[in-house]
Amino acid sequence: MQMREIIFDTETTGLDPQSGDRLVEIGCIEMINKVATGATFHAYFNPERDMPAEAERVHGLSVTFLADKPLFKTRAVELLEFLGDSPLVAHNASFDFGFLNAELAICGMEPVDRGRMVDTVKIARAKHPGAKNSLDALCSRYGIDRSHRTLHGALLDAELLAQVYVELLGGRQIGLELAADAAGGTNGGATFTTTPIATGTSERTFRPARPHTASPEELATHETFVKSLKEPLWLN
């Protein structure tokens, strides 16, 4: 059975939508069975207000940059269609849900049910009590490359969080992605081909399992070796 989840992140003008802060960017990553499918939703929004200097220092999004971007309401339906009814995974999820639902309220639309919320901060605290559990700290703990993250960005942070999320739930064994590039690849000198596997919403390419059965030549070599043994234990 396929499990679809959306990993998402937001950037905003501040910390509190109830005091007039607005959503300025959202990035969403689709995962099926804990493997990213490549399907994404990403948008910048004109917040119709100023950008506090402290917020701009975090994400680098200026009023000038956002001036020609669409209002949230113009892409709200498209966003909701992408989210579907899937669980929504975010880091400190109540923050992101708060801004998402505040924007939907401005549009006169129903809020997203918080019962769909999966908070990776809570998962991290349970798994690593007393440790730092920021996205940067978790990337460092799990060896996830974040060298290209000079500023916060919703889609980039969602991509990093998707990797962190898998690690928090047990690592690649729960979303084993033995994927090769479209042209095939190699593993330890052995070549392999790839077979597309449908996910329902996109196609992923998986490497078939490596063969583990001994070849006829290997079996013959083994038999010759066994015959050469003098007084083997299993015959005593």
C-alpha atoms as a PDB file:
ATOM      1  CA  MET A   1       0.000   0.000   0.000  1.00  0.00           C
ATOM      2  CA  GLN A   2       1.380   3.386  -0.975  1.00  0.00           C
ATOM      3  CA  MET A   3       1.748   6.095   1.654  1.00  0.00           C
ATOM      4  CA  ARG A   4       1.787   9.641   0.269  1.00  0.00           C
ATOM      5  CA  GLU A   5       3.146  12.452   2.439  1.00  0.00           C
ATOM      6  CA  ILE A   6       3.980  16.091   1.794  1.00  0.00           C
ATOM      7  CA  ILE A   7       7.082  17.620   3.370  1.00  0.00           C
ATOM      8  CA  PHE A   8       6.751  21.400   3.436  1.00  0.00           C
ATOM      9  CA  ASP A   9       8.287  24.598   4.723  1.00  0.00           C
ATOM     10  CA  THR A  10       7.328  28.265   4.733  1.00  0.00           C
ATOM     11  CA  GLU A  11       9.053  31.631   4.879  1.00  0.00           C
ATOM     12  CA  THR A  12       7.239  34.608   6.381  1.00  0.00           C
ATOM     13  CA  THR A  13       7.520  38.280   7.297  1.00  0.00           C
ATOM     14  CA  GLY A  14       7.689  37.423  10.995  1.00  0.00           C
ATOM     15  CA  LEU A  15       6.607  35.069  13.727  1.00  0.00           C
ATOM     16  CA  ASP A  16       2.900  35.739  14.305  1.00  0.00           C
ATOM     17  CA  PRO A  17       0.179  35.711  11.647  1.00  0.00           C
ATOM     18  CA  GLN A  18      -2.284  37.056  14.210  1.00  0.00           C
ATOM     19  CA  SER A  19      -0.287  40.302  14.416  1.00  0.00           C
ATOM     20  CA  GLY A  20      -0.249  40.843  10.660  1.00  0.00           C
ATOM     21  CA  ASP A  21       2.723  38.761   9.560  1.00  0.00           C
ATOM     22  CA  ARG A  22       2.251  37.062   6.205  1.00  0.00           C
ATOM     23  CA  LEU A  23       3.422  34.028   4.268  1.00  0.00           C
ATOM     24  CA  VAL A  24       5.886  34.900   1.482  1.00  0.00           C
ATOM     25  CA  GLU A  25       7.120  31.499   0.291  1.00  0.00           C
ATOM     26  CA  ILE A  26       6.077  27.861   0.467  1.00  0.00           C
ATOM     27  CA  GLY A  27       7.911  24.778  -0.753  1.00  0.00           C
ATOM     28  CA  CYS A  28       6.419  21.280  -0.831  1.00  0.00           C
ATOM     29  CA  ILE A  29       7.994  17.902  -1.614  1.00  0.00           C
ATOM     30  CA  GLU A  30       5.933  14.795  -2.400  1.00  0.00           C
ATOM     31  CA  MET A  31       7.088  11.524  -0.866  1.00  0.00           C
ATOM     32  CA  ILE A  32       5.584   8.098  -1.435  1.00  0.00           C
ATOM     33  CA  ASN A  33       6.624   5.352   0.949  1.00  0.00           C
ATOM     34  CA  LYS A  34       9.293   7.722   2.314  1.00  0.00           C
ATOM     35  CA  VAL A  35      10.900   8.245  -1.113  1.00  0.00           C
ATOM     36  CA  ALA A  36      10.790  11.626  -2.864  1.00  0.00           C
ATOM     37  CA  THR A  37       8.997  11.303  -6.200  1.00  0.00           C
ATOM     38  CA  GLY A  38      10.334  14.508  -7.733  1.00  0.00           C
ATOM     39  CA  ALA A  39       6.912  16.197  -7.631  1.00  0.00           C
ATOM     40  CA  THR A  40       7.053  19.607  -5.942  1.00  0.00           C
ATOM     41  CA  PHE A  41       5.045  22.771  -5.394  1.00  0.00           C
ATOM     42  CA  HIS A  42       6.907  26.044  -4.889  1.00  0.00           C
ATOM     43  CA  ALA A  43       5.693  29.629  -4.876  1.00  0.00           C
ATOM     44  CA  TYR A  44       6.585  33.116  -3.694  1.00  0.00           C
ATOM     45  CA  PHE A  45       3.812  35.477  -2.620  1.00  0.00           C
ATOM     46  CA  ASN A  46       3.429  39.228  -2.413  1.00  0.00           C
ATOM     47  CA  PRO A  47       2.653  39.839   1.279  1.00  0.00           C
ATOM     48  CA  GLU A  48       1.062  43.265   0.641  1.00  0.00           C
ATOM     49  CA  ARG A  49       3.125  44.742   3.456  1.00  0.00           C
ATOM     50  CA  ASP A  50       6.708  45.665   4.376  1.00  0.00           C
ATOM     51  CA  MET A  51       9.458  43.159   5.079  1.00  0.00           C
ATOM     52  CA  PRO A  52      11.089  43.584   8.510  1.00  0.00           C
ATOM     53  CA  ALA A  53      14.888  43.689   8.305  1.00  0.00           C
ATOM     54  CA  GLU A  54      15.274  40.765  10.725  1.00  0.00           C
ATOM     55  CA  ALA A  55      13.061  38.540   8.557  1.00  0.00           C
ATOM     56  CA  GLU A  56      14.886  39.512   5.369  1.00  0.00           C
ATOM     57  CA  ARG A  57      18.193  38.589   6.990  1.00  0.00           C
ATOM     58  CA  VAL A  58      16.847  35.065   7.518  1.00  0.00           C
ATOM     59  CA  HIS A  59      15.507  34.317   4.021  1.00  0.00           C
ATOM     60  CA  GLY A  60      16.790  37.149   1.839  1.00  0.00           C
ATOM     61  CA  LEU A  61      13.373  37.937   0.347  1.00  0.00           C
ATOM     62  CA  SER A  62      12.931  41.684  -0.082  1.00  0.00           C
ATOM     63  CA  VAL A  63       9.823  43.718  -0.776  1.00  0.00           C
ATOM     64  CA  THR A  64      11.329  44.572  -4.170  1.00  0.00           C
ATOM     65  CA  PHE A  65      11.772  40.894  -5.060  1.00  0.00           C
ATOM     66  CA  LEU A  66       8.236  40.020  -3.929  1.00  0.00           C
ATOM     67  CA  ALA A  67       6.533  43.029  -5.532  1.00  0.00           C
ATOM     68  CA  ASP A  68       5.646  41.240  -8.778  1.00  0.00           C
ATOM     69  CA  LYS A  69       4.828  37.889  -7.185  1.00  0.00           C
ATOM     70  CA  PRO A  70       1.216  36.656  -7.047  1.00  0.00           C
ATOM     71  CA  LEU A  71      -1.027  37.027  -4.021  1.00  0.00           C
ATOM     72  CA  PHE A  72      -1.566  33.844  -2.030  1.00  0.00           C
ATOM     73  CA  LYS A  73      -5.216  33.679  -3.077  1.00  0.00           C
ATOM     74  CA  THR A  74      -4.309  33.338  -6.750  1.00  0.00           C
ATOM     75  CA  ARG A  75      -2.547  30.017  -6.126  1.00  0.00           C
ATOM     76  CA  ALA A  76      -4.422  28.749  -3.081  1.00  0.00           C
ATOM     77  CA  VAL A  77      -6.527  26.226  -4.994  1.00  0.00           C
ATOM     78  CA  GLU A  78      -3.488  24.894  -6.846  1.00  0.00           C
ATOM     79  CA  LEU A  79      -1.644  24.498  -3.552  1.00  0.00           C
ATOM     80  CA  LEU A  80      -4.527  22.676  -1.889  1.00  0.00           C
ATOM     81  CA  GLU A  81      -4.827  20.334  -4.858  1.00  0.00           C
ATOM     82  CA  PHE A  82      -1.153  19.456  -4.507  1.00  0.00           C
ATOM     83  CA  LEU A  83      -1.502  18.866  -0.762  1.00  0.00           C
ATOM     84  CA  GLY A  84      -4.544  16.655  -1.289  1.00  0.00           C
ATOM     85  CA  ASP A  85      -5.533  14.808   1.869  1.00  0.00           C
ATOM     86  CA  SER A  86      -1.994  13.610   2.647  1.00  0.00           C
ATOM     87  CA  PRO A  87      -0.230  13.972   6.010  1.00  0.00           C
ATOM     88  CA  LEU A  88       1.792  17.205   6.092  1.00  0.00           C
ATOM     89  CA  VAL A  89       5.280  17.034   7.572  1.00  0.00           C
ATOM     90  CA  ALA A  90       7.083  20.161   8.777  1.00  0.00           C
ATOM     91  CA  HIS A  91       9.787  21.167  11.240  1.00  0.00           C
ATOM     92  CA  ASN A  92       8.042  22.989  14.102  1.00  0.00           C
ATOM     93  CA  ALA A  93       4.838  22.253  12.207  1.00  0.00           C
ATOM     94  CA  SER A  94       2.508  24.400  14.318  1.00  0.00           C
ATOM     95  CA  PHE A  95       4.330  27.499  12.997  1.00  0.00           C
ATOM     96  CA  ASP A  96       3.876  26.516   9.340  1.00  0.00           C
ATOM     97  CA  PHE A  97       0.293  25.369   9.871  1.00  0.00           C
ATOM     98  CA  GLY A  98      -0.486  28.643  11.625  1.00  0.00           C
ATOM     99  CA  PHE A  99       0.617  30.725   8.654  1.00  0.00           C
ATOM    100  CA  LEU A 100      -0.929  28.417   6.057  1.00  0.00           C
ATOM    101  CA  ASN A 101      -4.300  28.470   7.779  1.00  0.00           C
ATOM    102  CA  ALA A 102      -4.112  32.227   8.377  1.00  0.00           C
ATOM    103  CA  GLU A 103      -3.662  32.764   4.630  1.00  0.00           C
ATOM    104  CA  LEU A 104      -6.535  30.412   3.862  1.00  0.00           C
ATOM    105  CA  ALA A 105      -8.717  32.346   6.317  1.00  0.00           C
ATOM    106  CA  ILE A 106      -7.903  35.604   4.508  1.00  0.00           C
ATOM    107  CA  CYS A 107      -9.118  33.896   1.318  1.00  0.00           C
ATOM    108  CA  GLY A 108     -12.329  32.764   3.052  1.00  0.00           C
ATOM    109  CA  MET A 109     -11.276  29.124   2.727  1.00  0.00           C
ATOM    110  CA  GLU A 110     -11.424  26.269   5.224  1.00  0.00           C
ATOM    111  CA  PRO A 111      -8.300  25.620   7.287  1.00  0.00           C
ATOM    112  CA  VAL A 112      -6.142  22.529   6.841  1.00  0.00           C
ATOM    113  CA  ASP A 113      -6.975  19.990   9.552  1.00  0.00           C
ATOM    114  CA  ARG A 114      -4.213  19.963  12.165  1.00  0.00           C
ATOM    115  CA  GLY A 115      -4.859  16.255  12.585  1.00  0.00           C
ATOM    116  CA  ARG A 116      -2.786  15.852   9.414  1.00  0.00           C
ATOM    117  CA  MET A 117       0.203  17.564  11.026  1.00  0.00           C
ATOM    118  CA  VAL A 118       3.454  15.634  11.520  1.00  0.00           C
ATOM    119  CA  ASP A 119       6.035  17.628  13.493  1.00  0.00           C
ATOM    120  CA  THR A 120       9.632  16.529  12.979  1.00  0.00           C
ATOM    121  CA  VAL A 121      10.765  18.634  15.946  1.00  0.00           C
ATOM    122  CA  LYS A 122       8.669  16.439  18.247  1.00  0.00           C
ATOM    123  CA  ILE A 123      10.022  13.293  16.592  1.00  0.00           C
ATOM    124  CA  ALA A 124      13.595  14.562  16.963  1.00  0.00           C
ATOM    125  CA  ARG A 125      13.121  15.493  20.626  1.00  0.00           C
ATOM    126  CA  ALA A 126      11.806  12.019  21.372  1.00  0.00           C
ATOM    127  CA  LYS A 127      14.697  10.363  19.539  1.00  0.00           C
ATOM    128  CA  HIS A 128      17.449  12.728  20.712  1.00  0.00           C
ATOM    129  CA  PRO A 129      16.357  14.135  24.088  1.00  0.00           C
ATOM    130  CA  GLY A 130      18.470  17.033  25.268  1.00  0.00           C
ATOM    131  CA  ALA A 131      20.237  17.453  21.912  1.00  0.00           C
ATOM    132  CA  LYS A 132      19.961  20.333  19.476  1.00  0.00           C
ATOM    133  CA  ASN A 133      17.188  19.567  17.023  1.00  0.00           C
ATOM    134  CA  SER A 134      17.259  22.467  14.596  1.00  0.00           C
ATOM    135  CA  LEU A 135      17.245  21.521  10.916  1.00  0.00           C
ATOM    136  CA  ASP A 136      20.944  22.432  10.680  1.00  0.00           C
ATOM    137  CA  ALA A 137      21.794  20.323  13.727  1.00  0.00           C
ATOM    138  CA  LEU A 138      19.893  17.313  12.396  1.00  0.00           C
ATOM    139  CA  CYS A 139      21.567  17.600   8.997  1.00  0.00           C
ATOM    140  CA  SER A 140      24.934  17.554  10.762  1.00  0.00           C
ATOM    141  CA  ARG A 141      23.939  14.582  12.908  1.00  0.00           C
ATOM    142  CA  TYR A 142      22.856  12.528   9.908  1.00  0.00           C
ATOM    143  CA  GLY A 143      25.583  13.631   7.510  1.00  0.00           C
ATOM    144  CA  ILE A 144      23.214  15.456   5.148  1.00  0.00           C
ATOM    145  CA  ASP A 145      24.956  18.043   2.974  1.00  0.00           C
ATOM    146  CA  ARG A 146      23.606  21.533   3.611  1.00  0.00           C
ATOM    147  CA  SER A 147      26.589  23.481   2.262  1.00  0.00           C
ATOM    148  CA  HIS A 148      24.338  25.188  -0.303  1.00  0.00           C
ATOM    149  CA  ARG A 149      22.044  26.513   2.443  1.00  0.00           C
ATOM    150  CA  THR A 150      23.414  30.020   2.956  1.00  0.00           C
ATOM    151  CA  LEU A 151      19.924  31.424   3.605  1.00  0.00           C
ATOM    152  CA  HIS A 152      16.624  29.827   4.543  1.00  0.00           C
ATOM    153  CA  GLY A 153      14.529  28.903   1.534  1.00  0.00           C
ATOM    154  CA  ALA A 154      11.222  27.028   1.662  1.00  0.00           C
ATOM    155  CA  LEU A 155      11.862  24.495  -1.103  1.00  0.00           C
ATOM    156  CA  LEU A 156      15.497  23.908  -0.144  1.00  0.00           C
ATOM    157  CA  ASP A 157      14.562  23.448   3.511  1.00  0.00           C
ATOM    158  CA  ALA A 158      11.759  21.055   2.547  1.00  0.00           C
ATOM    159  CA  GLU A 159      14.246  19.014   0.506  1.00  0.00           C
ATOM    160  CA  LEU A 160      16.643  18.833   3.470  1.00  0.00           C
ATOM    161  CA  LEU A 161      13.799  18.013   5.835  1.00  0.00           C
ATOM    162  CA  ALA A 162      12.656  15.154   3.593  1.00  0.00           C
ATOM    163  CA  GLN A 163      16.075  13.537   4.081  1.00  0.00           C
ATOM    164  CA  VAL A 164      16.073  14.255   7.816  1.00  0.00           C
ATOM    165  CA  TYR A 165      12.557  12.824   8.160  1.00  0.00           C
ATOM    166  CA  VAL A 166      13.630   9.498   6.675  1.00  0.00           C
ATOM    167  CA  GLU A 167      16.616   9.345   9.033  1.00  0.00           C
ATOM    168  CA  LEU A 168      14.469  10.166  12.055  1.00  0.00           C
ATOM    169  CA  LEU A 169      12.215   7.226  11.225  1.00  0.00           C
ATOM    170  CA  GLY A 170      15.046   4.742  10.908  1.00  0.00           C
ATOM    171  CA  GLY A 171      17.128   5.615   7.892  1.00  0.00           C
ATOM    172  CA  ARG A 172      17.101   4.356   4.337  1.00  0.00           C
ATOM    173  CA  GLN A 173      15.830   0.908   5.304  1.00  0.00           C
ATOM    174  CA  ILE A 174      12.326   2.359   5.694  1.00  0.00           C
ATOM    175  CA  GLY A 175      12.417   4.059   2.310  1.00  0.00           C
ATOM    176  CA  LEU A 176      15.080   2.058   0.503  1.00  0.00           C
ATOM    177  CA  GLU A 177      15.932   3.981  -2.621  1.00  0.00           C
ATOM    178  CA  LEU A 178      18.192   1.747  -4.646  1.00  0.00           C
ATOM    179  CA  ALA A 179      17.861   4.146  -7.537  1.00  0.00           C
ATOM    180  CA  ALA A 180      20.185   4.634 -10.451  1.00  0.00           C
ATOM    181  CA  ASP A 181      20.243   7.417 -12.971  1.00  0.00           C
ATOM    182  CA  ALA A 182      18.273   7.057 -16.161  1.00  0.00           C
ATOM    183  CA  ALA A 183      21.255   5.611 -17.998  1.00  0.00           C
ATOM    184  CA  GLY A 184      21.936   2.850 -15.502  1.00  0.00           C
ATOM    185  CA  GLY A 185      24.993   2.635 -13.282  1.00  0.00           C
ATOM    186  CA  THR A 186      27.492   0.426 -11.527  1.00  0.00           C
ATOM    187  CA  ASN A 187      27.935  -1.004  -8.074  1.00  0.00           C
ATOM    188  CA  GLY A 188      31.273  -2.434  -7.056  1.00  0.00           C
ATOM    189  CA  GLY A 189      32.123  -3.109 -10.701  1.00  0.00           C
ATOM    190  CA  ALA A 190      28.836  -4.906 -11.426  1.00  0.00           C
ATOM    191  CA  THR A 191      26.661  -3.276 -14.053  1.00  0.00           C
ATOM    192  CA  PHE A 192      22.906  -3.096 -13.764  1.00  0.00           C
ATOM    193  CA  THR A 193      19.923  -1.847 -15.644  1.00  0.00           C
ATOM    194  CA  THR A 194      16.948  -0.038 -14.215  1.00  0.00           C
ATOM    195  CA  THR A 195      13.221  -0.635 -14.355  1.00  0.00           C
ATOM    196  CA  PRO A 196      10.686   2.182 -13.899  1.00  0.00           C
ATOM    197  CA  ILE A 197       8.165   1.536 -11.125  1.00  0.00           C
ATOM    198  CA  ALA A 198       4.929   3.540 -11.129  1.00  0.00           C
ATOM    199  CA  THR A 199       3.979   5.356  -7.932  1.00  0.00           C
ATOM    200  CA  GLY A 200       0.532   6.479  -8.989  1.00  0.00           C
ATOM    201  CA  THR A 201       1.533  10.128  -9.428  1.00  0.00           C
ATOM    202  CA  SER A 202       4.972   9.780 -11.034  1.00  0.00           C
ATOM    203  CA  GLU A 203       7.624   7.269 -11.993  1.00  0.00           C
ATOM    204  CA  ARG A 204      10.647   6.273  -9.937  1.00  0.00           C
ATOM    205  CA  THR A 205      13.551   4.233 -11.254  1.00  0.00           C
ATOM    206  CA  PHE A 206      14.805   1.432  -9.060  1.00  0.00           C
ATOM    207  CA  ARG A 207      17.813  -0.824  -9.342  1.00  0.00           C
ATOM    208  CA  PRO A 208      16.940  -4.543  -9.284  1.00  0.00           C
ATOM    209  CA  ALA A 209      18.386  -6.652  -6.485  1.00  0.00           C
ATOM    210  CA  ARG A 210      21.891  -7.953  -7.072  1.00  0.00           C
ATOM    211  CA  PRO A 211      22.081 -11.715  -7.780  1.00  0.00           C
ATOM    212  CA  HIS A 212      23.370 -13.793  -4.855  1.00  0.00           C
ATOM    213  CA  THR A 213      23.175 -17.302  -6.348  1.00  0.00           C
ATOM    214  CA  ALA A 214      26.541 -18.927  -7.076  1.00  0.00           C
ATOM    215  CA  SER A 215      27.383 -19.432 -10.752  1.00  0.00           C
ATOM    216  CA  PRO A 216      28.010 -22.956 -12.156  1.00  0.00           C
ATOM    217  CA  GLU A 217      31.744 -22.170 -12.278  1.00  0.00           C
ATOM    218  CA  GLU A 218      31.737 -21.131  -8.604  1.00  0.00           C
ATOM    219  CA  LEU A 219      29.828 -24.293  -7.616  1.00  0.00           C
ATOM    220  CA  ALA A 220      32.333 -26.471  -9.500  1.00  0.00           C
ATOM    221  CA  THR A 221      35.287 -24.724  -7.849  1.00  0.00           C
ATOM    222  CA  HIS A 222      33.683 -25.216  -4.445  1.00  0.00           C
ATOM    223  CA  GLU A 223      33.072 -28.923  -5.091  1.00  0.00           C
ATOM    224  CA  THR A 224      36.716 -29.443  -6.108  1.00  0.00           C
ATOM    225  CA  PHE A 225      37.852 -27.647  -2.964  1.00  0.00           C
ATOM    226  CA  VAL A 226      35.616 -29.787  -0.729  1.00  0.00           C
ATOM    227  CA  LYS A 227      36.930 -32.999  -2.300  1.00  0.00           C
ATOM    228  CA  SER A 228      40.479 -31.900  -1.520  1.00  0.00           C
ATOM    229  CA  LEU A 229      39.828 -31.667   2.216  1.00  0.00           C
ATOM    230  CA  LYS A 230      41.313 -34.462   4.340  1.00  0.00           C
ATOM    231  CA  GLU A 231      39.080 -35.916   7.041  1.00  0.00           C
ATOM    232  CA  PRO A 232      36.533 -33.073   7.173  1.00  0.00           C
ATOM    233  CA  LEU A 233      34.733 -32.713  10.481  1.00  0.00           C
ATOM    234  CA  TRP A 234      31.303 -33.355   9.050  1.00  0.00           C
ATOM    235  CA  LEU A 235      32.323 -36.907   8.049  1.00  0.00           C
ATOM    236  CA  ASN A 236      33.608 -37.833  11.553  1.00  0.00           C
END
